[in-house]
Structure formats: structure tokens, C-alpha cells
Amino acid sequence: MLKGIPPIIPPELLKILMEMGHGDSILLCDANYPRFGSPERCVRMDGYGIPEILDAILTLMPLDAMVEHPTTFMAVTPGDPYVPVIWETYREIGLRHEPQGLRERQILNSDFYKEGPACYACVATGERALYGNVILRKGVIK
């Protein structure tokens, strides 16, 4: 154990977060995401939901202040009446760690599935909320 590191962060994820540079992205994928997000580096955290993992990551990693939208959500498919209430939870977590919150954008799943594999790494979670996938872009420590 180390001081100040959330205990749910496994060593593999801590190493990945340390390796990531400014502008690198990490994908937090829900339980329905295909092929564990596709990046070469993937940490399995099936026993946790995205809110707990998001909170732990944002404790350690700043979001990119140099871009308008350092956070990406998977948008609801047009015509789908589902309302992703988990996004409000994500936003509350973001405001605890970032003065301006997550500053997210939403992109359709076809575009999200193109951006996911380009991420530096992914965290495969047990999150069951629909449209729960998130991409975070790393910033710099000021």
C-alpha cells in the first residue's frame, strides 16, 4: 500500500497512468463493450463500476485543460428513448476533482468505437449502465 493512492487502483493501472503522457487517453468501458476496448493495454476491473474507478483515476490524473472536451461519453443512439442517468453521477465526480468538471462531449457509438482502440489503454469494468463508456484525456500537473 502507498499513501494517497485509492486502494481500488491495481498496480497495473497505476503503472499505465504513470506511463501516460499529456494528451494520451484512457477508455473506461462498460460490461457490454466489445473486446475489452481493443487497446493493447487493458486492465480488468470487472468487480467495479465506472463511478468508483472514475473517482479513483481523477484523484490521480488531471484532465487536459488544453482541449475543450477532455471527456467523451458514448451518445444515446438516435431514436433510443433511454436516458443515461449515470452521466449525472460522472459529472458530480468530475466536479469534485476538476474546477470546470468533465467538460464532456457525446459521440455516437460508431465514432466511439473508432476512438476507443486509439486510446493508450482501457479499463474493462463490470458497469451495467447503458451508454456508460467514458474516454478521459490526460492533462498536465500545474
C-alpha atoms as a PDB file:
ATOM      1  CA  MET A   1       0.000   0.000   0.000  1.00  0.00           C
ATOM      2  CA  LEU A   2       1.041   3.568  -0.642  1.00  0.00           C
ATOM      3  CA  LYS A   3      -0.295   6.783   0.839  1.00  0.00           C
ATOM      4  CA  GLY A   4      -2.718   8.811  -1.234  1.00  0.00           C
ATOM      5  CA  ILE A   5      -3.441   6.148  -3.839  1.00  0.00           C
ATOM      6  CA  PRO A   6      -7.043   4.920  -3.889  1.00  0.00           C
ATOM      7  CA  PRO A   7      -6.980   1.261  -2.802  1.00  0.00           C
ATOM      8  CA  ILE A   8      -9.091   0.083  -5.749  1.00  0.00           C
ATOM      9  CA  ILE A   9      -6.341   1.102  -8.212  1.00  0.00           C
ATOM     10  CA  PRO A  10      -4.480  -2.107  -9.089  1.00  0.00           C
ATOM     11  CA  PRO A  11      -0.721  -1.924  -9.738  1.00  0.00           C
ATOM     12  CA  GLU A  12      -1.230  -2.413 -13.498  1.00  0.00           C
ATOM     13  CA  LEU A  13      -3.498   0.626 -13.716  1.00  0.00           C
ATOM     14  CA  LEU A  14      -1.182   2.764 -11.604  1.00  0.00           C
ATOM     15  CA  LYS A  15       1.680   1.883 -13.954  1.00  0.00           C
ATOM     16  CA  ILE A  16      -0.442   2.784 -17.002  1.00  0.00           C
ATOM     17  CA  LEU A  17      -1.492   6.131 -15.512  1.00  0.00           C
ATOM     18  CA  MET A  18       2.167   6.909 -14.777  1.00  0.00           C
ATOM     19  CA  GLU A  19       3.226   5.952 -18.320  1.00  0.00           C
ATOM     20  CA  MET A  20       0.565   8.081 -19.990  1.00  0.00           C
ATOM     21  CA  GLY A  21       1.655  11.480 -21.213  1.00  0.00           C
ATOM     22  CA  HIS A  22      -0.195  14.720 -21.826  1.00  0.00           C
ATOM     23  CA  GLY A  23      -2.868  14.117 -24.448  1.00  0.00           C
ATOM     24  CA  ASP A  24      -2.997  10.336 -24.031  1.00  0.00           C
ATOM     25  CA  SER A  25      -6.441   8.884 -23.412  1.00  0.00           C
ATOM     26  CA  ILE A  26      -7.808   6.048 -21.324  1.00  0.00           C
ATOM     27  CA  LEU A  27     -11.070   4.243 -22.025  1.00  0.00           C
ATOM     28  CA  LEU A  28     -13.340   3.120 -19.208  1.00  0.00           C
ATOM     29  CA  CYS A  29     -15.594   0.564 -20.848  1.00  0.00           C
ATOM     30  CA  ASP A  30     -18.809  -0.880 -19.515  1.00  0.00           C
ATOM     31  CA  ALA A  31     -19.613  -4.576 -19.313  1.00  0.00           C
ATOM     32  CA  ASN A  32     -21.192  -4.548 -22.787  1.00  0.00           C
ATOM     33  CA  TYR A  33     -18.242  -3.003 -24.619  1.00  0.00           C
ATOM     34  CA  PRO A  34     -16.825  -5.340 -27.285  1.00  0.00           C
ATOM     35  CA  ARG A  35     -13.384  -6.941 -26.982  1.00  0.00           C
ATOM     36  CA  PHE A  36     -12.341  -5.121 -23.799  1.00  0.00           C
ATOM     37  CA  GLY A  37     -11.960  -1.808 -25.565  1.00  0.00           C
ATOM     38  CA  SER A  38      -9.351  -3.066 -28.043  1.00  0.00           C
ATOM     39  CA  PRO A  39      -6.229  -1.213 -26.838  1.00  0.00           C
ATOM     40  CA  GLU A  40      -3.164  -3.371 -26.360  1.00  0.00           C
ATOM     41  CA  ARG A  41      -3.042  -2.471 -22.655  1.00  0.00           C
ATOM     42  CA  CYS A  42      -6.212  -3.469 -20.815  1.00  0.00           C
ATOM     43  CA  VAL A  43      -6.800  -3.750 -17.081  1.00  0.00           C
ATOM     44  CA  ARG A  44      -9.694  -5.937 -15.944  1.00  0.00           C
ATOM     45  CA  MET A  45     -11.710  -4.476 -13.071  1.00  0.00           C
ATOM     46  CA  ASP A  46     -14.890  -6.491 -13.535  1.00  0.00           C
ATOM     47  CA  GLY A  47     -15.861  -6.186  -9.863  1.00  0.00           C
ATOM     48  CA  TYR A  48     -16.235  -2.407 -10.025  1.00  0.00           C
ATOM     49  CA  GLY A  49     -18.497   0.081 -11.736  1.00  0.00           C
ATOM     50  CA  ILE A  50     -17.234   3.064 -13.662  1.00  0.00           C
ATOM     51  CA  PRO A  51     -18.148   5.664 -10.985  1.00  0.00           C
ATOM     52  CA  GLU A  52     -15.746   4.149  -8.424  1.00  0.00           C
ATOM     53  CA  ILE A  53     -12.985   3.817 -10.998  1.00  0.00           C
ATOM     54  CA  LEU A  54     -13.565   7.307 -12.423  1.00  0.00           C
ATOM     55  CA  ASP A  55     -13.325   8.786  -8.928  1.00  0.00           C
ATOM     56  CA  ALA A  56     -10.100   6.893  -8.213  1.00  0.00           C
ATOM     57  CA  ILE A  57      -8.481   7.858 -11.537  1.00  0.00           C
ATOM     58  CA  LEU A  58      -9.402  11.528 -11.217  1.00  0.00           C
ATOM     59  CA  THR A  59      -7.816  11.528  -7.755  1.00  0.00           C
ATOM     60  CA  LEU A  60      -4.504  10.909  -9.530  1.00  0.00           C
ATOM     61  CA  MET A  61      -4.874  12.192 -13.097  1.00  0.00           C
ATOM     62  CA  PRO A  62      -5.754  15.711 -14.265  1.00  0.00           C
ATOM     63  CA  LEU A  63      -7.918  16.193 -17.337  1.00  0.00           C
ATOM     64  CA  ASP A  64      -6.444  18.025 -20.319  1.00  0.00           C
ATOM     65  CA  ALA A  65      -7.014  21.774 -19.917  1.00  0.00           C
ATOM     66  CA  MET A  66      -5.726  22.447 -23.444  1.00  0.00           C
ATOM     67  CA  VAL A  67      -8.796  20.978 -25.186  1.00  0.00           C
ATOM     68  CA  GLU A  68     -12.452  21.955 -24.968  1.00  0.00           C
ATOM     69  CA  HIS A  69     -13.690  18.414 -24.282  1.00  0.00           C
ATOM     70  CA  PRO A  70     -11.217  16.150 -22.438  1.00  0.00           C
ATOM     71  CA  THR A  71     -14.000  13.688 -21.645  1.00  0.00           C
ATOM     72  CA  THR A  72     -16.073  11.737 -24.145  1.00  0.00           C
ATOM     73  CA  PHE A  73     -19.339   9.904 -23.479  1.00  0.00           C
ATOM     74  CA  MET A  74     -20.982   7.418 -25.817  1.00  0.00           C
ATOM     75  CA  ALA A  75     -24.108   9.233 -27.044  1.00  0.00           C
ATOM     76  CA  VAL A  76     -27.520   7.629 -26.982  1.00  0.00           C
ATOM     77  CA  THR A  77     -28.382   6.142 -30.362  1.00  0.00           C
ATOM     78  CA  PRO A  78     -30.908   8.375 -32.189  1.00  0.00           C
ATOM     79  CA  GLY A  79     -34.407   7.071 -31.569  1.00  0.00           C
ATOM     80  CA  ASP A  80     -33.459   5.237 -28.376  1.00  0.00           C
ATOM     81  CA  PRO A  81     -35.592   6.652 -25.525  1.00  0.00           C
ATOM     82  CA  TYR A  82     -33.051   5.576 -22.874  1.00  0.00           C
ATOM     83  CA  VAL A  83     -31.777   8.342 -20.586  1.00  0.00           C
ATOM     84  CA  PRO A  84     -28.286   7.589 -19.212  1.00  0.00           C
ATOM     85  CA  VAL A  85     -28.734   8.800 -15.623  1.00  0.00           C
ATOM     86  CA  ILE A  86     -25.207   7.590 -14.814  1.00  0.00           C
ATOM     87  CA  TRP A  87     -23.854  10.634 -16.643  1.00  0.00           C
ATOM     88  CA  GLU A  88     -25.020  12.856 -13.764  1.00  0.00           C
ATOM     89  CA  THR A  89     -23.010  10.685 -11.383  1.00  0.00           C
ATOM     90  CA  TYR A  90     -19.971  11.069 -13.650  1.00  0.00           C
ATOM     91  CA  ARG A  91     -20.456  14.849 -13.714  1.00  0.00           C
ATOM     92  CA  GLU A  92     -20.690  15.033  -9.899  1.00  0.00           C
ATOM     93  CA  ILE A  93     -17.452  13.053  -9.619  1.00  0.00           C
ATOM     94  CA  GLY A  94     -15.791  15.313 -12.189  1.00  0.00           C
ATOM     95  CA  LEU A  95     -16.703  18.443 -10.229  1.00  0.00           C
ATOM     96  CA  ARG A  96     -15.059  17.003  -7.097  1.00  0.00           C
ATOM     97  CA  HIS A  97     -11.745  16.726  -8.937  1.00  0.00           C
ATOM     98  CA  GLU A  98     -11.767  19.369 -11.678  1.00  0.00           C
ATOM     99  CA  PRO A  99     -12.774  23.038 -11.203  1.00  0.00           C
ATOM    100  CA  GLN A 100     -14.689  23.032 -14.507  1.00  0.00           C
ATOM    101  CA  GLY A 101     -15.903  19.440 -14.263  1.00  0.00           C
ATOM    102  CA  LEU A 102     -15.570  16.870 -17.016  1.00  0.00           C
ATOM    103  CA  ARG A 103     -16.288  19.254 -19.928  1.00  0.00           C
ATOM    104  CA  GLU A 104     -17.598  16.312 -21.893  1.00  0.00           C
ATOM    105  CA  ARG A 105     -18.808  15.783 -25.393  1.00  0.00           C
ATOM    106  CA  GLN A 106     -21.014  12.979 -26.682  1.00  0.00           C
ATOM    107  CA  ILE A 107     -20.334  10.987 -29.822  1.00  0.00           C
ATOM    108  CA  LEU A 108     -22.328   8.223 -31.474  1.00  0.00           C
ATOM    109  CA  ASN A 109     -21.287   4.647 -30.810  1.00  0.00           C
ATOM    110  CA  SER A 110     -19.896   4.209 -34.336  1.00  0.00           C
ATOM    111  CA  ASP A 111     -17.455   7.080 -33.701  1.00  0.00           C
ATOM    112  CA  PHE A 112     -16.811   5.978 -30.121  1.00  0.00           C
ATOM    113  CA  TYR A 113     -15.820   2.514 -31.364  1.00  0.00           C
ATOM    114  CA  LYS A 114     -13.249   4.212 -33.616  1.00  0.00           C
ATOM    115  CA  GLU A 115     -11.778   6.338 -30.805  1.00  0.00           C
ATOM    116  CA  GLY A 116     -11.687   3.540 -28.214  1.00  0.00           C
ATOM    117  CA  PRO A 117      -8.993   1.456 -29.914  1.00  0.00           C
ATOM    118  CA  ALA A 118      -6.832   4.576 -30.325  1.00  0.00           C
ATOM    119  CA  CYS A 119      -6.658   5.071 -26.546  1.00  0.00           C
ATOM    120  CA  TYR A 120      -3.408   4.370 -24.724  1.00  0.00           C
ATOM    121  CA  ALA A 121      -5.201   1.825 -22.531  1.00  0.00           C
ATOM    122  CA  CYS A 122      -8.579   0.670 -21.349  1.00  0.00           C
ATOM    123  CA  VAL A 123     -10.162  -0.451 -18.117  1.00  0.00           C
ATOM    124  CA  ALA A 124     -12.750  -3.197 -18.615  1.00  0.00           C
ATOM    125  CA  THR A 125     -15.326  -2.778 -15.849  1.00  0.00           C
ATOM    126  CA  GLY A 126     -18.416  -4.513 -14.621  1.00  0.00           C
ATOM    127  CA  GLU A 127     -20.521  -1.391 -15.220  1.00  0.00           C
ATOM    128  CA  ARG A 128     -24.036  -2.338 -16.336  1.00  0.00           C
ATOM    129  CA  ALA A 129     -25.460   1.103 -17.045  1.00  0.00           C
ATOM    130  CA  LEU A 130     -26.202   1.528 -20.726  1.00  0.00           C
ATOM    131  CA  TYR A 131     -24.119   4.179 -22.521  1.00  0.00           C
ATOM    132  CA  GLY A 132     -21.710   4.123 -19.579  1.00  0.00           C
ATOM    133  CA  ASN A 133     -18.483   4.199 -21.594  1.00  0.00           C
ATOM    134  CA  VAL A 134     -16.097   7.103 -20.995  1.00  0.00           C
ATOM    135  CA  ILE A 135     -12.838   8.284 -22.559  1.00  0.00           C
ATOM    136  CA  LEU A 136     -10.591  10.568 -20.482  1.00  0.00           C
ATOM    137  CA  ARG A 137      -7.764  12.645 -21.947  1.00  0.00           C
ATOM    138  CA  LYS A 138      -4.828  13.233 -19.607  1.00  0.00           C
ATOM    139  CA  GLY A 139      -3.629  16.731 -18.827  1.00  0.00           C
ATOM    140  CA  VAL A 140      -0.599  18.097 -17.034  1.00  0.00           C
ATOM    141  CA  ILE A 141       0.109  18.757 -13.369  1.00  0.00           C
ATOM    142  CA  LYS A 142       0.369  22.500 -12.771  1.00  0.00           C
END
